[in-house]
Amino acid sequence: MKNWGGGENHIENLCSELNEIDPEIENTILCVRNSAFHKKIKNSRFQVESAPLTIKMDLRYAGKILSLSKKQKIDLIHIHDSTALTLAIMATKLGKLPPYVLSKKTSFPIKDRGRTLYKYNHENIKRIFCVSKETQRITSEKIEDPSKLTTIYHGTSLDKKNKHSLDLREEFKIPGSKVLVGTIANHIRAKNLNTWIEMIDYLVNRKKINDFHFVLIGSHTNRTPAYKDKLKKLGLLKQVSITGFIENASALIPQFDISILTSQSEGVPQFIFESFYYKVPVVSTNVGGIPEIIEYDINGMLTNPHEPQSLADKLIALSQDKVLRNKFAERSYKKLIENFTTRKMAEQTLAEYKKVLYGTNGTGN
């Protein structure tokens, strides 16, 4: 990937936790040269390599996979998205490579096309780590050997700074009387920001409710101008603040009164785990693995995708019930600590690495 998002956050957390578990584990992160991901981690404590990627099937990148594997005597290659998988399969045509494991981070079904089926069922792939049980179910429909599949939730890191230098209310002149509703989402199709806009339109223009201010944090894309035009035409610019990408954006979540997500497709979004950590109640669509971490009316509120009125009504109800907000926040935090931390994720991932390298019990020479 060239941007920074939940998948890249997962890589950073995984490498960090693996190093804490066992300093003898050596990770090299290979990323696209001069991408947002590369710029963020190139001066970090991680060992980082980069390669150019001007087209999705750039042979220079595939060649880099092979040369790094030989130079560093790599034991295992962990692939983190579909483009990386294409490049890794290309690399097998250039020379012998160690076994692969693949992270499936979205609930998009694998397309029923020859080349796509070939790469996801390639003999080099020994394990596929699915981000949710729903992702595993959908993925299993196109995988010839379902025993390769396992679910590993990504979770969130408990080693955090609780404050950010940016004060959202001060920066965007948001009155203290307004309920601050936050979303962290890049401007991509899966996040379904049209529903986010339609929800605000329903609240402001149809219900005549002006109690909320909405903040959207995330990288802009070619979809961004259309979103802004739509907000302008609907007269909603005063009710929203769109920031673009912000470094360490999750540290802003404590400033939200409520977190909201309008996605039409997800694995399990990091934004929800982060909201759990900071004890901010969540209203979300029920796509992908989200119902596996949010139980309706137990630790959050859920609705079907593409239902802006339902989202708005749940937002109103939650904003008017402080006891319920606190109950959701406490239950979600407890659930996170018990089940969804990056340490648990890394321990489960390492166990699977060892199964691939040493056999079923993870032992051997």
Protein backbone atom coordinates (compact mmCIF):
# COMPACT_ATOMS: atom_id res chain seq x y z
CA MET A 1 0.00 0.00 0.00
CA LYS A 2 1.09 3.57 -0.66
CA ASN A 3 -1.05 5.26 2.00
CA TRP A 4 -1.11 4.89 5.76
CA GLY A 5 -4.10 3.01 7.17
CA GLY A 6 -5.15 0.20 9.47
CA GLY A 7 -3.18 -2.40 7.52
CA GLU A 8 0.05 -0.45 7.85
CA ASN A 9 -0.68 0.16 11.53
CA HIS A 10 -1.02 -3.61 11.90
CA ILE A 11 2.43 -4.19 10.38
CA GLU A 12 4.00 -1.63 12.70
CA ASN A 13 2.29 -3.12 15.77
CA LEU A 14 3.15 -6.69 14.78
CA CYS A 15 6.85 -6.01 14.31
CA SER A 16 7.01 -4.01 17.52
CA GLU A 17 5.30 -6.70 19.59
CA LEU A 18 7.33 -9.55 18.06
CA ASN A 19 10.50 -7.74 19.03
CA GLU A 20 9.23 -7.42 22.61
CA ILE A 21 8.24 -11.09 22.78
CA ASP A 22 11.60 -12.33 21.48
CA PRO A 23 14.46 -9.96 20.55
CA GLU A 24 15.99 -12.78 18.47
CA ILE A 25 13.17 -12.39 15.93
CA GLU A 26 14.36 -10.22 13.06
CA ASN A 27 11.86 -8.39 10.85
CA THR A 28 12.52 -6.52 7.64
CA ILE A 29 9.65 -4.39 6.33
CA LEU A 30 9.59 -4.00 2.55
CA CYS A 31 7.40 -1.14 1.34
CA VAL A 32 6.83 1.11 -1.65
CA ARG A 33 9.59 3.71 -1.98
CA ASN A 34 8.53 7.24 -0.93
CA SER A 35 5.01 6.11 -0.03
CA ALA A 36 3.30 7.48 3.09
CA PHE A 37 4.07 4.18 4.81
CA HIS A 38 7.76 4.37 3.84
CA LYS A 39 8.08 7.98 5.01
CA LYS A 40 6.52 7.15 8.38
CA ILE A 41 8.71 4.16 9.24
CA LYS A 42 11.99 4.72 7.40
CA ASN A 43 13.54 6.53 10.35
CA SER A 44 12.01 4.23 12.97
CA ARG A 45 13.77 1.47 14.89
CA PHE A 46 12.59 -1.08 12.33
CA GLN A 47 14.75 -2.47 9.56
CA VAL A 48 13.12 -1.00 6.46
CA GLU A 49 13.75 -1.67 2.78
CA SER A 50 11.95 -0.08 -0.16
CA ALA A 51 11.48 -0.62 -3.87
CA PRO A 52 9.79 1.40 -6.64
CA LEU A 53 6.26 0.43 -7.68
CA THR A 54 4.98 2.47 -10.60
CA ILE A 55 2.59 -0.25 -11.77
CA LYS A 56 0.98 -3.09 -9.83
CA MET A 57 3.16 -5.69 -11.54
CA ASP A 58 6.47 -3.87 -11.27
CA LEU A 59 9.26 -6.42 -11.78
CA ARG A 60 11.67 -4.26 -9.78
CA TYR A 61 9.59 -4.87 -6.67
CA ALA A 62 9.32 -8.60 -7.31
CA GLY A 63 13.08 -8.69 -7.84
CA LYS A 64 13.62 -6.91 -4.54
CA ILE A 65 11.66 -9.64 -2.74
CA LEU A 66 13.99 -12.25 -4.19
CA SER A 67 17.23 -10.34 -3.59
CA LEU A 68 16.29 -9.51 0.03
CA SER A 69 15.39 -13.12 0.72
CA LYS A 70 18.78 -14.30 -0.50
CA LYS A 71 20.82 -11.52 1.08
CA GLN A 72 19.20 -11.72 4.52
CA LYS A 73 18.51 -15.47 4.45
CA ILE A 74 14.82 -14.88 5.13
CA ASP A 75 12.99 -17.84 6.71
CA LEU A 76 9.42 -16.68 6.12
CA ILE A 77 7.66 -14.00 4.08
CA HIS A 78 4.52 -12.39 5.53
CA ILE A 79 2.35 -10.80 2.81
CA HIS A 80 -0.06 -8.05 3.82
CA ASP A 81 -2.28 -7.19 0.85
CA SER A 82 -3.43 -8.40 -2.57
CA THR A 83 -0.94 -6.34 -4.60
CA ALA A 84 1.90 -7.60 -2.43
CA LEU A 85 0.63 -11.11 -3.04
CA THR A 86 0.74 -10.59 -6.82
CA LEU A 87 4.33 -9.35 -6.57
CA ALA A 88 5.34 -12.21 -4.29
CA ILE A 89 3.90 -14.77 -6.69
CA MET A 90 5.77 -13.04 -9.54
CA ALA A 91 8.95 -13.37 -7.47
CA THR A 92 8.55 -17.17 -7.36
CA LYS A 93 9.09 -17.16 -11.14
CA LEU A 94 12.47 -15.49 -10.63
CA GLY A 95 13.93 -17.90 -8.09
CA LYS A 96 13.38 -20.09 -5.05
CA LEU A 97 11.75 -18.36 -2.08
CA PRO A 98 10.91 -19.33 1.52
CA PRO A 99 7.32 -20.18 2.54
CA TYR A 100 4.65 -17.47 2.60
CA VAL A 101 1.94 -16.52 5.06
CA LEU A 102 -0.78 -14.10 3.99
CA SER A 103 -2.90 -11.67 6.01
CA LYS A 104 -6.45 -11.26 4.64
CA LYS A 105 -7.50 -7.95 6.14
CA THR A 106 -10.78 -7.28 4.37
CA SER A 107 -14.03 -9.15 3.88
CA PHE A 108 -14.02 -8.65 0.11
CA PRO A 109 -14.60 -12.06 -1.51
CA ILE A 110 -11.81 -13.49 -3.63
CA LYS A 111 -12.81 -12.95 -7.27
CA ASP A 112 -13.68 -16.02 -9.28
CA ARG A 113 -11.00 -15.43 -11.90
CA GLY A 114 -8.28 -17.81 -12.95
CA ARG A 115 -5.26 -15.67 -12.08
CA THR A 116 -6.78 -14.52 -8.79
CA LEU A 117 -7.64 -18.06 -7.71
CA TYR A 118 -4.15 -19.18 -8.73
CA LYS A 119 -2.36 -16.63 -6.58
CA TYR A 120 -4.51 -17.18 -3.46
CA ASN A 121 -4.04 -20.94 -3.76
CA HIS A 122 -0.33 -20.79 -4.62
CA GLU A 123 1.75 -23.61 -3.17
CA ASN A 124 4.09 -21.16 -1.40
CA ILE A 125 1.24 -19.95 0.84
CA LYS A 126 1.21 -22.09 3.97
CA ARG A 127 -1.17 -20.05 6.15
CA ILE A 128 -3.80 -17.35 5.61
CA PHE A 129 -4.50 -15.15 8.65
CA CYS A 130 -8.04 -13.75 8.48
CA VAL A 131 -8.85 -10.61 10.43
CA SER A 132 -12.27 -11.92 11.50
CA LYS A 133 -14.36 -15.06 11.44
CA GLU A 134 -16.51 -13.47 8.74
CA THR A 135 -13.41 -12.85 6.63
CA GLN A 136 -12.40 -16.47 7.16
CA ARG A 137 -15.86 -17.68 6.11
CA ILE A 138 -15.85 -15.62 2.92
CA THR A 139 -12.25 -16.48 2.07
CA SER A 140 -12.82 -20.23 2.58
CA GLU A 141 -15.21 -20.25 -0.39
CA LYS A 142 -12.29 -19.88 -2.81
CA ILE A 143 -9.45 -21.63 -0.98
CA GLU A 144 -8.77 -25.22 -2.00
CA ASP A 145 -7.28 -26.15 1.38
CA PRO A 146 -9.38 -24.49 4.14
CA SER A 147 -7.03 -25.91 6.81
CA LYS A 148 -4.62 -23.10 5.86
CA LEU A 149 -7.10 -20.53 7.22
CA THR A 150 -7.15 -19.18 10.76
CA THR A 151 -8.63 -16.08 12.41
CA ILE A 152 -6.29 -13.64 14.18
CA TYR A 153 -7.84 -10.36 15.34
CA HIS A 154 -5.48 -7.40 15.05
CA GLY A 155 -6.34 -5.59 18.27
CA THR A 156 -4.69 -2.45 19.55
CA SER A 157 -1.54 -1.57 21.43
CA LEU A 158 -1.84 -0.75 25.13
CA ASP A 159 1.35 1.31 25.01
CA LYS A 160 -0.11 4.68 24.08
CA LYS A 161 0.15 8.40 24.77
CA ASN A 162 -3.25 9.66 25.77
CA LYS A 163 -2.91 13.21 24.48
CA HIS A 164 -2.42 14.90 21.12
CA SER A 165 -1.08 18.42 20.66
CA LEU A 166 -4.04 19.29 18.42
CA ASP A 167 -7.18 20.46 20.24
CA LEU A 168 -10.04 19.77 17.82
CA ARG A 169 -12.54 22.10 19.49
CA GLU A 170 -10.06 24.93 19.56
CA GLU A 171 -8.73 24.32 16.03
CA PHE A 172 -12.18 24.16 14.41
CA LYS A 173 -13.99 26.50 16.83
CA ILE A 174 -16.42 23.80 17.96
CA PRO A 175 -18.59 25.06 20.85
CA GLY A 176 -18.45 23.08 24.07
CA SER A 177 -22.21 22.58 23.85
CA LYS A 178 -21.87 20.52 20.65
CA VAL A 179 -21.58 16.73 20.74
CA LEU A 180 -18.34 15.97 18.93
CA VAL A 181 -18.80 12.91 16.69
CA GLY A 182 -15.54 11.60 15.25
CA THR A 183 -14.60 9.31 12.38
CA ILE A 184 -11.13 8.16 11.33
CA ALA A 185 -11.37 6.82 7.78
CA ASN A 186 -9.48 7.32 4.56
CA HIS A 187 -11.64 8.57 1.69
CA ILE A 188 -12.05 5.22 -0.01
CA ARG A 189 -15.08 3.35 -1.32
CA ALA A 190 -15.20 0.82 1.53
CA LYS A 191 -15.72 3.56 4.12
CA ASN A 192 -18.92 4.72 2.36
CA LEU A 193 -18.62 8.39 3.24
CA ASN A 194 -21.70 9.18 1.15
CA THR A 195 -23.73 7.55 3.91
CA TRP A 196 -21.83 9.67 6.45
CA ILE A 197 -22.91 12.80 4.54
CA GLU A 198 -26.50 11.58 4.13
CA MET A 199 -26.70 10.88 7.86
CA ILE A 200 -25.65 14.46 8.65
CA ASP A 201 -28.10 15.77 6.05
CA TYR A 202 -30.92 13.83 7.70
CA LEU A 203 -30.04 15.20 11.13
CA VAL A 204 -29.58 18.83 10.11
CA ASN A 205 -31.92 19.41 7.17
CA ARG A 206 -34.73 16.99 7.92
CA LYS A 207 -34.75 16.59 11.71
CA LYS A 208 -33.53 20.17 12.25
CA ILE A 209 -31.07 18.99 14.91
CA ASN A 210 -27.91 21.07 15.28
CA ASP A 211 -26.53 19.53 18.46
CA PHE A 212 -23.66 17.72 16.71
CA HIS A 213 -20.36 18.58 15.07
CA PHE A 214 -18.72 15.92 12.90
CA VAL A 215 -14.96 15.53 12.45
CA LEU A 216 -13.58 13.32 9.69
CA ILE A 217 -9.87 12.42 9.86
CA GLY A 218 -8.20 10.47 7.05
CA SER A 219 -6.22 10.66 3.84
CA HIS A 220 -7.85 12.42 0.90
CA THR A 221 -8.34 10.60 -2.42
CA ASN A 222 -9.86 11.39 -5.80
CA ARG A 223 -13.25 10.94 -4.09
CA THR A 224 -12.66 13.86 -1.72
CA PRO A 225 -13.75 16.74 -4.04
CA ALA A 226 -17.12 15.04 -4.67
CA TYR A 227 -17.69 14.61 -0.93
CA LYS A 228 -16.91 18.28 -0.29
CA ASP A 229 -19.15 19.41 -3.15
CA LYS A 230 -22.00 17.33 -1.75
CA LEU A 231 -21.57 18.83 1.72
CA LYS A 232 -21.55 22.33 0.23
CA LYS A 233 -24.69 21.75 -1.85
CA LEU A 234 -26.51 20.42 1.21
CA GLY A 235 -25.42 23.40 3.31
CA LEU A 236 -23.52 21.26 5.81
CA LEU A 237 -20.08 22.85 5.85
CA LYS A 238 -20.66 24.47 9.26
CA GLN A 239 -21.49 21.11 10.83
CA VAL A 240 -18.36 19.27 9.67
CA SER A 241 -14.57 19.52 9.81
CA ILE A 242 -12.50 17.46 7.38
CA THR A 243 -8.85 17.34 8.41
CA GLY A 244 -7.07 15.04 5.98
CA PHE A 245 -4.30 12.77 7.26
CA ILE A 246 -3.04 13.49 10.78
CA GLU A 247 -0.03 11.77 12.31
CA ASN A 248 -0.97 9.61 15.33
CA ALA A 249 -4.66 10.39 14.72
CA SER A 250 -5.87 7.74 17.17
CA ALA A 251 -4.60 9.91 20.04
CA LEU A 252 -7.37 12.38 19.12
CA ILE A 253 -10.12 9.86 19.87
CA PRO A 254 -10.40 10.87 23.58
CA GLN A 255 -11.70 14.23 22.32
CA PHE A 256 -14.67 12.52 20.62
CA ASP A 257 -17.92 12.15 22.53
CA ILE A 258 -19.01 9.38 20.15
CA SER A 259 -17.19 7.48 17.39
CA ILE A 260 -19.13 6.64 14.25
CA LEU A 261 -18.34 4.43 11.28
CA THR A 262 -20.46 4.18 8.11
CA SER A 263 -18.51 1.52 6.19
CA GLN A 264 -20.04 -0.77 3.60
CA SER A 265 -17.16 -3.25 3.79
CA GLU A 266 -14.59 -3.97 6.52
CA GLY A 267 -12.37 -6.58 8.07
CA VAL A 268 -12.27 -5.23 11.61
CA PRO A 269 -11.39 -1.51 11.65
CA GLN A 270 -8.59 -0.36 13.91
CA PHE A 271 -10.63 2.76 14.64
CA ILE A 272 -13.13 0.71 16.65
CA PHE A 273 -10.41 -0.99 18.71
CA GLU A 274 -8.86 2.42 19.40
CA SER A 275 -12.24 3.82 20.46
CA PHE A 276 -12.64 0.90 22.85
CA TYR A 277 -9.22 1.66 24.32
CA TYR A 278 -10.03 5.33 24.90
CA LYS A 279 -13.50 4.49 26.29
CA VAL A 280 -15.43 6.30 23.57
CA PRO A 281 -18.79 4.66 22.69
CA VAL A 282 -19.27 3.49 19.10
CA VAL A 283 -22.09 3.59 16.56
CA SER A 284 -21.27 1.54 13.46
CA THR A 285 -22.55 -0.40 10.50
CA ASN A 286 -22.63 -4.17 11.02
CA VAL A 287 -20.33 -5.18 8.15
CA GLY A 288 -17.41 -7.62 8.06
CA GLY A 289 -16.13 -8.64 11.48
CA ILE A 290 -17.64 -5.67 13.34
CA PRO A 291 -20.51 -7.71 14.89
CA GLU A 292 -17.83 -10.02 16.32
CA ILE A 293 -16.50 -7.20 18.51
CA ILE A 294 -19.64 -5.07 19.01
CA GLU A 295 -22.73 -6.74 20.42
CA TYR A 296 -25.80 -4.66 19.65
CA ASP A 297 -27.02 -2.73 22.68
CA ILE A 298 -24.44 -4.50 24.88
CA ASN A 299 -21.27 -2.55 24.13
CA GLY A 300 -22.31 -0.40 21.16
CA MET A 301 -24.93 0.30 18.53
CA LEU A 302 -25.10 -1.28 15.07
CA THR A 303 -27.12 -0.74 11.94
CA ASN A 304 -27.16 -2.08 8.41
CA PRO A 305 -24.95 -0.33 5.82
CA HIS A 306 -26.50 2.33 3.56
CA GLU A 307 -29.06 3.33 6.23
CA PRO A 308 -28.23 6.94 7.14
CA GLN A 309 -31.52 7.53 8.98
CA SER A 310 -30.95 4.52 11.23
CA LEU A 311 -27.41 5.70 12.01
CA ALA A 312 -28.72 9.17 12.82
CA ASP A 313 -31.47 7.86 15.09
CA LYS A 314 -28.99 5.72 17.04
CA LEU A 315 -26.64 8.67 17.32
CA ILE A 316 -29.43 10.81 18.76
CA ALA A 317 -30.45 8.11 21.24
CA LEU A 318 -26.88 7.54 22.44
CA SER A 319 -26.12 11.26 22.75
CA GLN A 320 -29.12 11.67 25.06
CA ASP A 321 -28.20 8.80 27.40
CA LYS A 322 -24.99 9.40 29.34
CA VAL A 323 -25.46 6.26 31.45
CA LEU A 324 -25.65 4.12 28.31
CA ARG A 325 -22.59 5.83 26.80
CA ASN A 326 -20.57 5.06 29.93
CA LYS A 327 -21.85 1.48 30.02
CA PHE A 328 -20.85 0.88 26.39
CA ALA A 329 -17.43 2.44 26.96
CA GLU A 330 -16.60 0.36 30.04
CA ARG A 331 -17.82 -2.91 28.52
CA SER A 332 -15.91 -2.30 25.31
CA TYR A 333 -12.70 -1.48 27.18
CA LYS A 334 -12.98 -4.70 29.21
CA LYS A 335 -13.62 -6.71 26.05
CA LEU A 336 -10.58 -5.15 24.36
CA ILE A 337 -8.22 -5.86 27.26
CA GLU A 338 -9.37 -9.46 27.51
CA ASN A 339 -9.47 -10.33 23.81
CA PHE A 340 -8.11 -7.77 21.36
CA THR A 341 -4.61 -6.52 22.15
CA THR A 342 -1.66 -6.41 19.79
CA ARG A 343 0.30 -8.62 22.21
CA LYS A 344 -2.29 -11.39 21.84
CA MET A 345 -2.26 -10.86 18.07
CA ALA A 346 1.54 -11.14 17.91
CA GLU A 347 1.63 -14.24 20.12
CA GLN A 348 -0.94 -15.99 17.92
CA THR A 349 0.92 -14.90 14.76
CA LEU A 350 4.26 -16.16 16.09
CA ALA A 351 2.70 -19.51 16.96
CA GLU A 352 1.51 -19.83 13.35
CA TYR A 353 4.95 -18.83 12.03
CA LYS A 354 6.47 -21.67 14.06
CA LYS A 355 3.90 -24.16 12.80
CA VAL A 356 4.89 -23.29 9.23
CA LEU A 357 8.61 -23.45 9.91
CA TYR A 358 8.87 -26.31 12.40
CA GLY A 359 5.69 -28.36 12.20
CA THR A 360 2.36 -28.67 13.96
CA ASN A 361 3.68 -28.18 17.51
CA GLY A 362 5.92 -25.24 16.67
CA THR A 363 9.08 -27.08 17.73
CA GLY A 364 12.13 -28.30 15.87
CA ASN A 365 15.65 -27.36 14.88
